[in-house]
Amino acid sequence: MNIFIIKIANCLRLIDDPETLPLLLSVGCFMAGIPACICPIPFTIVLMITFSFQLGAYQATPIFVAAISSHLTTCGCGLLLKLLRL
């Protein structure tokens, strides 16, 4: 139990530090990850968020990874189609 509390405290410390986890980058990843799991256009979502926040190529890479991984988790493995058939 103590290890869990220490890990949570470390995560909260990282979130509070803007040099370690920038807020704009994490918001961009969340904005790309949620809609990309439903609709099959992850490239368009990544480009839309990248251009609207005026991010460069290095900042667009985590957003791309978030969109592709969420899309493959639900649509790529067929989980969404199996849930719709039930």
PDB file of N, CA and C in Angstrom:
ATOM      1  N   MET A   1       0.826  -1.199   0.000  1.00  0.00           N
ATOM      2  CA  MET A   1       0.000   0.000   0.000  1.00  0.00           C
ATOM      3  C   MET A   1       0.865   1.255   0.000  1.00  0.00           C
ATOM      4  N   ASN A   2       1.975   1.214   0.728  1.00  0.00           N
ATOM      5  CA  ASN A   2       2.846   2.382   0.782  1.00  0.00           C
ATOM      6  C   ASN A   2       3.504   2.661  -0.565  1.00  0.00           C
ATOM      7  N   ILE A   3       3.802   1.596  -1.319  1.00  0.00           N
ATOM      8  CA  ILE A   3       4.405   1.789  -2.635  1.00  0.00           C
ATOM      9  C   ILE A   3       3.425   2.478  -3.566  1.00  0.00           C
ATOM     10  N   PHE A   4       2.155   2.120  -3.479  1.00  0.00           N
ATOM     11  CA  PHE A   4       1.131   2.744  -4.303  1.00  0.00           C
ATOM     12  C   PHE A   4       1.022   4.245  -4.003  1.00  0.00           C
ATOM     13  N   ILE A   5       1.055   4.592  -2.756  1.00  0.00           N
ATOM     14  CA  ILE A   5       0.962   6.005  -2.362  1.00  0.00           C
ATOM     15  C   ILE A   5       2.190   6.776  -2.846  1.00  0.00           C
ATOM     16  N   ILE A   6       3.362   6.159  -2.777  1.00  0.00           N
ATOM     17  CA  ILE A   6       4.579   6.816  -3.254  1.00  0.00           C
ATOM     18  C   ILE A   6       4.520   7.020  -4.772  1.00  0.00           C
ATOM     19  N   LYS A   7       4.020   6.037  -5.516  1.00  0.00           N
ATOM     20  CA  LYS A   7       3.895   6.170  -6.971  1.00  0.00           C
ATOM     21  C   LYS A   7       2.901   7.264  -7.354  1.00  0.00           C
ATOM     22  N   ILE A   8       1.797   7.350  -6.650  1.00  0.00           N
ATOM     23  CA  ILE A   8       0.819   8.402  -6.920  1.00  0.00           C
ATOM     24  C   ILE A   8       1.419   9.777  -6.632  1.00  0.00           C
ATOM     25  N   ALA A   9       2.185   9.895  -5.555  1.00  0.00           N
ATOM     26  CA  ALA A   9       2.830  11.163  -5.223  1.00  0.00           C
ATOM     27  C   ALA A   9       3.848  11.548  -6.284  1.00  0.00           C
ATOM     28  N   ASN A  10       4.576  10.575  -6.824  1.00  0.00           N
ATOM     29  CA  ASN A  10       5.534  10.865  -7.892  1.00  0.00           C
ATOM     30  C   ASN A  10       4.835  11.313  -9.164  1.00  0.00           C
ATOM     31  N   CYS A  11       3.712  10.685  -9.497  1.00  0.00           N
ATOM     32  CA  CYS A  11       2.954  11.093 -10.686  1.00  0.00           C
ATOM     33  C   CYS A  11       2.401  12.509 -10.534  1.00  0.00           C
ATOM     34  N   LEU A  12       1.903  12.831  -9.364  1.00  0.00           N
ATOM     35  CA  LEU A  12       1.390  14.185  -9.137  1.00  0.00           C
ATOM     36  C   LEU A  12       2.509  15.223  -9.186  1.00  0.00           C
ATOM     37  N   ARG A  13       3.691  14.842  -8.753  1.00  0.00           N
ATOM     38  CA  ARG A  13       4.824  15.762  -8.816  1.00  0.00           C
ATOM     39  C   ARG A  13       5.230  16.008 -10.266  1.00  0.00           C
ATOM     40  N   LEU A  14       5.158  14.979 -11.111  1.00  0.00           N
ATOM     41  CA  LEU A  14       5.497  15.139 -12.517  1.00  0.00           C
ATOM     42  C   LEU A  14       4.472  15.997 -13.249  1.00  0.00           C
ATOM     43  N   ILE A  15       3.201  15.843 -12.896  1.00  0.00           N
ATOM     44  CA  ILE A  15       2.159  16.628 -13.550  1.00  0.00           C
ATOM     45  C   ILE A  15       2.283  18.099 -13.175  1.00  0.00           C
ATOM     46  N   ASP A  16       2.738  18.364 -11.974  1.00  0.00           N
ATOM     47  CA  ASP A  16       2.869  19.748 -11.524  1.00  0.00           C
ATOM     48  C   ASP A  16       4.040  20.460 -12.181  1.00  0.00           C
ATOM     49  N   ASP A  17       5.028  19.729 -12.683  1.00  0.00           N
ATOM     50  CA  ASP A  17       6.212  20.327 -13.290  1.00  0.00           C
ATOM     51  C   ASP A  17       5.964  20.566 -14.778  1.00  0.00           C
ATOM     52  N   PRO A  18       5.904  21.831 -15.239  1.00  0.00           N
ATOM     53  CA  PRO A  18       5.592  22.084 -16.653  1.00  0.00           C
ATOM     54  C   PRO A  18       6.729  21.717 -17.603  1.00  0.00           C
ATOM     55  N   GLU A  19       7.956  21.568 -17.102  1.00  0.00           N
ATOM     56  CA  GLU A  19       9.048  21.173 -17.991  1.00  0.00           C
ATOM     57  C   GLU A  19       8.998  19.683 -18.304  1.00  0.00           C
ATOM     58  N   THR A  20       8.500  18.877 -17.386  1.00  0.00           N
ATOM     59  CA  THR A  20       8.430  17.439 -17.596  1.00  0.00           C
ATOM     60  C   THR A  20       7.221  17.061 -18.445  1.00  0.00           C
ATOM     61  N   LEU A  21       6.062  17.579 -18.123  1.00  0.00           N
ATOM     62  CA  LEU A  21       4.829  17.256 -18.831  1.00  0.00           C
ATOM     63  C   LEU A  21       4.110  18.551 -19.194  1.00  0.00           C
ATOM     64  N   PRO A  22       4.326  19.068 -20.400  1.00  0.00           N
ATOM     65  CA  PRO A  22       3.666  20.316 -20.785  1.00  0.00           C
ATOM     66  C   PRO A  22       2.149  20.144 -20.903  1.00  0.00           C
ATOM     67  N   LEU A  23       1.431  21.146 -20.468  1.00  0.00           N
ATOM     68  CA  LEU A  23      -0.030  21.079 -20.475  1.00  0.00           C
ATOM     69  C   LEU A  23      -0.588  21.052 -21.889  1.00  0.00           C
ATOM     70  N   LEU A  24      -0.005  21.823 -22.806  1.00  0.00           N
ATOM     71  CA  LEU A  24      -0.499  21.864 -24.172  1.00  0.00           C
ATOM     72  C   LEU A  24      -0.330  20.519 -24.867  1.00  0.00           C
ATOM     73  N   LEU A  25       0.759  19.844 -24.572  1.00  0.00           N
ATOM     74  CA  LEU A  25       0.997  18.550 -25.183  1.00  0.00           C
ATOM     75  C   LEU A  25       0.049  17.481 -24.637  1.00  0.00           C
ATOM     76  N   SER A  26      -0.204  17.510 -23.352  1.00  0.00           N
ATOM     77  CA  SER A  26      -1.119  16.514 -22.791  1.00  0.00           C
ATOM     78  C   SER A  26      -2.565  16.780 -23.214  1.00  0.00           C
ATOM     79  N   VAL A  27      -2.955  18.035 -23.343  1.00  0.00           N
ATOM     80  CA  VAL A  27      -4.295  18.355 -23.843  1.00  0.00           C
ATOM     81  C   VAL A  27      -4.437  17.911 -25.295  1.00  0.00           C
ATOM     82  N   GLY A  28      -3.392  18.114 -26.081  1.00  0.00           N
ATOM     83  CA  GLY A  28      -3.426  17.666 -27.475  1.00  0.00           C
ATOM     84  C   GLY A  28      -3.543  16.153 -27.597  1.00  0.00           C
ATOM     85  N   CYS A  29      -2.848  15.428 -26.720  1.00  0.00           N
ATOM     86  CA  CYS A  29      -2.944  13.960 -26.740  1.00  0.00           C
ATOM     87  C   CYS A  29      -4.338  13.484 -26.351  1.00  0.00           C
ATOM     88  N   PHE A  30      -4.936  14.133 -25.359  1.00  0.00           N
ATOM     89  CA  PHE A  30      -6.300  13.761 -24.969  1.00  0.00           C
ATOM     90  C   PHE A  30      -7.303  14.118 -26.059  1.00  0.00           C
ATOM     91  N   MET A  31      -7.103  15.266 -26.710  1.00  0.00           N
ATOM     92  CA  MET A  31      -8.029  15.665 -27.765  1.00  0.00           C
ATOM     93  C   MET A  31      -7.934  14.758 -28.984  1.00  0.00           C
ATOM     94  N   ALA A  32      -6.777  14.160 -29.216  1.00  0.00           N
ATOM     95  CA  ALA A  32      -6.627  13.247 -30.357  1.00  0.00           C
ATOM     96  C   ALA A  32      -7.030  11.826 -30.001  1.00  0.00           C
ATOM     97  N   GLY A  33      -6.781  11.422 -28.772  1.00  0.00           N
ATOM     98  CA  GLY A  33      -7.027  10.036 -28.392  1.00  0.00           C
ATOM     99  C   GLY A  33      -8.490   9.666 -28.286  1.00  0.00           C
ATOM    100  N   ILE A  34      -9.292  10.562 -27.765  1.00  0.00           N
ATOM    101  CA  ILE A  34     -10.703  10.226 -27.548  1.00  0.00           C
ATOM    102  C   ILE A  34     -11.483  10.100 -28.866  1.00  0.00           C
ATOM    103  N   PRO A  35     -11.437  11.077 -29.779  1.00  0.00           N
ATOM    104  CA  PRO A  35     -12.216  10.882 -31.013  1.00  0.00           C
ATOM    105  C   PRO A  35     -11.621   9.852 -31.969  1.00  0.00           C
ATOM    106  N   ALA A  36     -10.291   9.612 -31.880  1.00  0.00           N
ATOM    107  CA  ALA A  36      -9.675   8.650 -32.796  1.00  0.00           C
ATOM    108  C   ALA A  36     -10.077   7.226 -32.484  1.00  0.00           C
ATOM    109  N   CYS A  37     -10.553   6.960 -31.277  1.00  0.00           N
ATOM    110  CA  CYS A  37     -10.983   5.590 -30.981  1.00  0.00           C
ATOM    111  C   CYS A  37     -12.357   5.292 -31.575  1.00  0.00           C
ATOM    112  N   ILE A  38     -13.104   6.310 -31.958  1.00  0.00           N
ATOM    113  CA  ILE A  38     -14.450   6.095 -32.498  1.00  0.00           C
ATOM    114  C   ILE A  38     -14.464   6.205 -34.020  1.00  0.00           C
ATOM    115  N   CYS A  39     -13.872   7.257 -34.553  1.00  0.00           N
ATOM    116  CA  CYS A  39     -13.919   7.468 -35.994  1.00  0.00           C
ATOM    117  C   CYS A  39     -12.576   7.085 -36.629  1.00  0.00           C
ATOM    118  N   PRO A  40     -12.594   6.514 -37.820  1.00  0.00           N
ATOM    119  CA  PRO A  40     -11.373   5.986 -38.431  1.00  0.00           C
ATOM    120  C   PRO A  40     -10.556   7.022 -39.203  1.00  0.00           C
ATOM    121  N   ILE A  41     -10.350   8.187 -38.634  1.00  0.00           N
ATOM    122  CA  ILE A  41      -9.557   9.217 -39.304  1.00  0.00           C
ATOM    123  C   ILE A  41      -8.489   9.774 -38.354  1.00  0.00           C
ATOM    124  N   PRO A  42      -7.546   8.940 -37.887  1.00  0.00           N
ATOM    125  CA  PRO A  42      -6.567   9.448 -36.924  1.00  0.00           C
ATOM    126  C   PRO A  42      -5.606  10.473 -37.527  1.00  0.00           C
ATOM    127  N   PHE A  43      -5.268  10.334 -38.810  1.00  0.00           N
ATOM    128  CA  PHE A  43      -4.351  11.296 -39.419  1.00  0.00           C
ATOM    129  C   PHE A  43      -4.973  12.687 -39.506  1.00  0.00           C
ATOM    130  N   THR A  44      -6.238  12.753 -39.848  1.00  0.00           N
ATOM    131  CA  THR A  44      -6.924  14.036 -39.935  1.00  0.00           C
ATOM    132  C   THR A  44      -7.053  14.690 -38.564  1.00  0.00           C
ATOM    133  N   ILE A  45      -7.335  13.896 -37.555  1.00  0.00           N
ATOM    134  CA  ILE A  45      -7.451  14.439 -36.198  1.00  0.00           C
ATOM    135  C   ILE A  45      -6.116  14.985 -35.723  1.00  0.00           C
ATOM    136  N   VAL A  46      -5.030  14.247 -35.995  1.00  0.00           N
ATOM    137  CA  VAL A  46      -3.702  14.709 -35.588  1.00  0.00           C
ATOM    138  C   VAL A  46      -3.332  16.000 -36.295  1.00  0.00           C
ATOM    139  N   LEU A  47      -3.584  16.071 -37.584  1.00  0.00           N
ATOM    140  CA  LEU A  47      -3.257  17.298 -38.329  1.00  0.00           C
ATOM    141  C   LEU A  47      -4.108  18.478 -37.877  1.00  0.00           C
ATOM    142  N   MET A  48      -5.368  18.231 -37.582  1.00  0.00           N
ATOM    143  CA  MET A  48      -6.244  19.303 -37.123  1.00  0.00           C
ATOM    144  C   MET A  48      -5.774  19.872 -35.787  1.00  0.00           C
ATOM    145  N   ILE A  49      -5.405  19.010 -34.862  1.00  0.00           N
ATOM    146  CA  ILE A  49      -4.937  19.476 -33.554  1.00  0.00           C
ATOM    147  C   ILE A  49      -3.566  20.124 -33.665  1.00  0.00           C
ATOM    148  N   THR A  50      -2.689  19.559 -34.489  1.00  0.00           N
ATOM    149  CA  THR A  50      -1.349  20.122 -34.655  1.00  0.00           C
ATOM    150  C   THR A  50      -1.406  21.519 -35.258  1.00  0.00           C
ATOM    151  N   PHE A  51      -2.233  21.708 -36.257  1.00  0.00           N
ATOM    152  CA  PHE A  51      -2.324  23.029 -36.891  1.00  0.00           C
ATOM    153  C   PHE A  51      -3.093  24.034 -36.044  1.00  0.00           C
ATOM    154  N   SER A  52      -4.065  23.575 -35.280  1.00  0.00           N
ATOM    155  CA  SER A  52      -4.824  24.532 -34.471  1.00  0.00           C
ATOM    156  C   SER A  52      -4.024  25.023 -33.273  1.00  0.00           C
ATOM    157  N   PHE A  53      -3.144  24.179 -32.730  1.00  0.00           N
ATOM    158  CA  PHE A  53      -2.282  24.608 -31.625  1.00  0.00           C
ATOM    159  C   PHE A  53      -0.934  25.128 -32.103  1.00  0.00           C
ATOM    160  N   GLN A  54      -0.676  25.081 -33.410  1.00  0.00           N
ATOM    161  CA  GLN A  54       0.576  25.520 -34.039  1.00  0.00           C
ATOM    162  C   GLN A  54       1.777  24.807 -33.423  1.00  0.00           C
ATOM    163  N   LEU A  55       1.719  23.473 -33.436  1.00  0.00           N
ATOM    164  CA  LEU A  55       2.790  22.645 -32.894  1.00  0.00           C
ATOM    165  C   LEU A  55       3.727  22.212 -34.010  1.00  0.00           C
ATOM    166  N   GLY A  56       4.945  21.892 -33.632  1.00  0.00           N
ATOM    167  CA  GLY A  56       5.925  21.418 -34.595  1.00  0.00           C
ATOM    168  C   GLY A  56       5.879  19.904 -34.734  1.00  0.00           C
ATOM    169  N   ALA A  57       6.874  19.376 -35.447  1.00  0.00           N
ATOM    170  CA  ALA A  57       6.912  17.934 -35.697  1.00  0.00           C
ATOM    171  C   ALA A  57       7.232  17.159 -34.422  1.00  0.00           C
ATOM    172  N   TYR A  58       8.102  17.702 -33.588  1.00  0.00           N
ATOM    173  CA  TYR A  58       8.456  17.002 -32.349  1.00  0.00           C
ATOM    174  C   TYR A  58       7.289  16.973 -31.365  1.00  0.00           C
ATOM    175  N   GLN A  59       6.465  17.995 -31.358  1.00  0.00           N
ATOM    176  CA  GLN A  59       5.303  17.994 -30.473  1.00  0.00           C
ATOM    177  C   GLN A  59       4.144  17.200 -31.055  1.00  0.00           C
ATOM    178  N   ALA A  60       4.124  16.997 -32.355  1.00  0.00           N
ATOM    179  CA  ALA A  60       3.033  16.250 -32.985  1.00  0.00           C
ATOM    180  C   ALA A  60       3.221  14.740 -32.868  1.00  0.00           C
ATOM    181  N   THR A  61       4.434  14.291 -32.584  1.00  0.00           N
ATOM    182  CA  THR A  61       4.688  12.853 -32.507  1.00  0.00           C
ATOM    183  C   THR A  61       3.937  12.163 -31.361  1.00  0.00           C
ATOM    184  N   PRO A  62       3.937  12.699 -30.123  1.00  0.00           N
ATOM    185  CA  PRO A  62       3.123  12.037 -29.080  1.00  0.00           C
ATOM    186  C   PRO A  62       1.628  12.081 -29.360  1.00  0.00           C
ATOM    187  N   ILE A  63       1.174  13.128 -30.026  1.00  0.00           N
ATOM    188  CA  ILE A  63      -0.242  13.208 -30.390  1.00  0.00           C
ATOM    189  C   ILE A  63      -0.577  12.133 -31.416  1.00  0.00           C
ATOM    190  N   PHE A  64       0.324  11.912 -32.361  1.00  0.00           N
ATOM    191  CA  PHE A  64       0.134  10.862 -33.357  1.00  0.00           C
ATOM    192  C   PHE A  64       0.111   9.487 -32.705  1.00  0.00           C
ATOM    193  N   VAL A  65       1.018   9.252 -31.765  1.00  0.00           N
ATOM    194  CA  VAL A  65       1.062   7.959 -31.075  1.00  0.00           C
ATOM    195  C   VAL A  65      -0.210   7.737 -30.253  1.00  0.00           C
ATOM    196  N   ALA A  66      -0.712   8.784 -29.605  1.00  0.00           N
ATOM    197  CA  ALA A  66      -1.947   8.655 -28.828  1.00  0.00           C
ATOM    198  C   ALA A  66      -3.132   8.334 -29.730  1.00  0.00           C
ATOM    199  N   ALA A  67      -3.209   8.984 -30.887  1.00  0.00           N
ATOM    200  CA  ALA A  67      -4.335   8.743 -31.796  1.00  0.00           C
ATOM    201  C   ALA A  67      -4.263   7.351 -32.410  1.00  0.00           C
ATOM    202  N   ILE A  68      -3.093   6.938 -32.845  1.00  0.00           N
ATOM    203  CA  ILE A  68      -2.963   5.627 -33.479  1.00  0.00           C
ATOM    204  C   ILE A  68      -3.194   4.504 -32.472  1.00  0.00           C
ATOM    205  N   SER A  69      -2.654   4.653 -31.265  1.00  0.00           N
ATOM    206  CA  SER A  69      -2.836   3.577 -30.277  1.00  0.00           C
ATOM    207  C   SER A  69      -4.290   3.459 -29.824  1.00  0.00           C
ATOM    208  N   SER A  70      -4.986   4.572 -29.678  1.00  0.00           N
ATOM    209  CA  SER A  70      -6.399   4.476 -29.298  1.00  0.00           C
ATOM    210  C   SER A  70      -7.248   3.930 -30.442  1.00  0.00           C
ATOM    211  N   HIS A  71      -6.894   4.276 -31.682  1.00  0.00           N
ATOM    212  CA  HIS A  71      -7.631   3.743 -32.828  1.00  0.00           C
ATOM    213  C   HIS A  71      -7.409   2.245 -32.974  1.00  0.00           C
ATOM    214  N   LEU A  72      -6.170   1.796 -32.800  1.00  0.00           N
ATOM    215  CA  LEU A  72      -5.901   0.368 -32.923  1.00  0.00           C
ATOM    216  C   LEU A  72      -6.470  -0.432 -31.766  1.00  0.00           C
ATOM    217  N   THR A  73      -6.590   0.191 -30.607  1.00  0.00           N
ATOM    218  CA  THR A  73      -7.140  -0.523 -29.466  1.00  0.00           C
ATOM    219  C   THR A  73      -8.613  -0.863 -29.674  1.00  0.00           C
ATOM    220  N   THR A  74      -9.374   0.070 -30.220  1.00  0.00           N
ATOM    221  CA  THR A  74     -10.810  -0.183 -30.371  1.00  0.00           C
ATOM    222  C   THR A  74     -11.174  -0.678 -31.767  1.00  0.00           C
ATOM    223  N   CYS A  75     -10.807   0.039 -32.793  1.00  0.00           N
ATOM    224  CA  CYS A  75     -11.236  -0.327 -34.148  1.00  0.00           C
ATOM    225  C   CYS A  75     -10.314  -1.348 -34.803  1.00  0.00           C
ATOM    226  N   GLY A  76      -9.033  -1.267 -34.516  1.00  0.00           N
ATOM    227  CA  GLY A  76      -8.077  -2.140 -35.183  1.00  0.00           C
ATOM    228  C   GLY A  76      -8.214  -3.597 -34.807  1.00  0.00           C
ATOM    229  N   CYS A  77      -8.540  -3.882 -33.574  1.00  0.00           N
ATOM    230  CA  CYS A  77      -8.677  -5.280 -33.147  1.00  0.00           C
ATOM    231  C   CYS A  77     -10.118  -5.770 -33.265  1.00  0.00           C
ATOM    232  N   GLY A  78     -11.025  -4.952 -33.695  1.00  0.00           N
ATOM    233  CA  GLY A  78     -12.403  -5.364 -33.896  1.00  0.00           C
ATOM    234  C   GLY A  78     -13.260  -5.351 -32.648  1.00  0.00           C
ATOM    235  N   LEU A  79     -12.789  -4.723 -31.588  1.00  0.00           N
ATOM    236  CA  LEU A  79     -13.536  -4.704 -30.334  1.00  0.00           C
ATOM    237  C   LEU A  79     -14.849  -3.932 -30.481  1.00  0.00           C
ATOM    238  N   LEU A  80     -14.800  -2.806 -31.188  1.00  0.00           N
ATOM    239  CA  LEU A  80     -15.996  -1.980 -31.349  1.00  0.00           C
ATOM    240  C   LEU A  80     -17.065  -2.704 -32.159  1.00  0.00           C
ATOM    241  N   LEU A  81     -16.642  -3.426 -33.213  1.00  0.00           N
ATOM    242  CA  LEU A  81     -17.615  -4.167 -34.019  1.00  0.00           C
ATOM    243  C   LEU A  81     -18.231  -5.321 -33.243  1.00  0.00           C
ATOM    244  N   LYS A  82     -17.446  -5.982 -32.401  1.00  0.00           N
ATOM    245  CA  LYS A  82     -17.991  -7.067 -31.590  1.00  0.00           C
ATOM    246  C   LYS A  82     -18.978  -6.541 -30.557  1.00  0.00           C
ATOM    247  N   LEU A  83     -18.708  -5.357 -30.018  1.00  0.00           N
ATOM    248  CA  LEU A  83     -19.636  -4.780 -29.053  1.00  0.00           C
ATOM    249  C   LEU A  83     -20.935  -4.327 -29.721  1.00  0.00           C
ATOM    250  N   LEU A  84     -20.858  -3.870 -30.969  1.00  0.00           N
ATOM    251  CA  LEU A  84     -22.059  -3.450 -31.669  1.00  0.00           C
ATOM    252  C   LEU A  84     -22.934  -4.624 -32.074  1.00  0.00           C
ATOM    253  N   ARG A  85     -22.339  -5.783 -32.307  1.00  0.00           N
ATOM    254  CA  ARG A  85     -23.117  -6.967 -32.695  1.00  0.00           C
ATOM    255  C   ARG A  85     -23.888  -7.565 -31.534  1.00  0.00           C
ATOM    256  N   LEU A  86     -23.432  -7.315 -30.317  1.00  0.00           N
ATOM    257  CA  LEU A  86     -24.127  -7.899 -29.156  1.00  0.00           C
ATOM    258  C   LEU A  86     -25.402  -7.232 -28.916  1.00  0.00           C
TER     259      LEU A  86
END
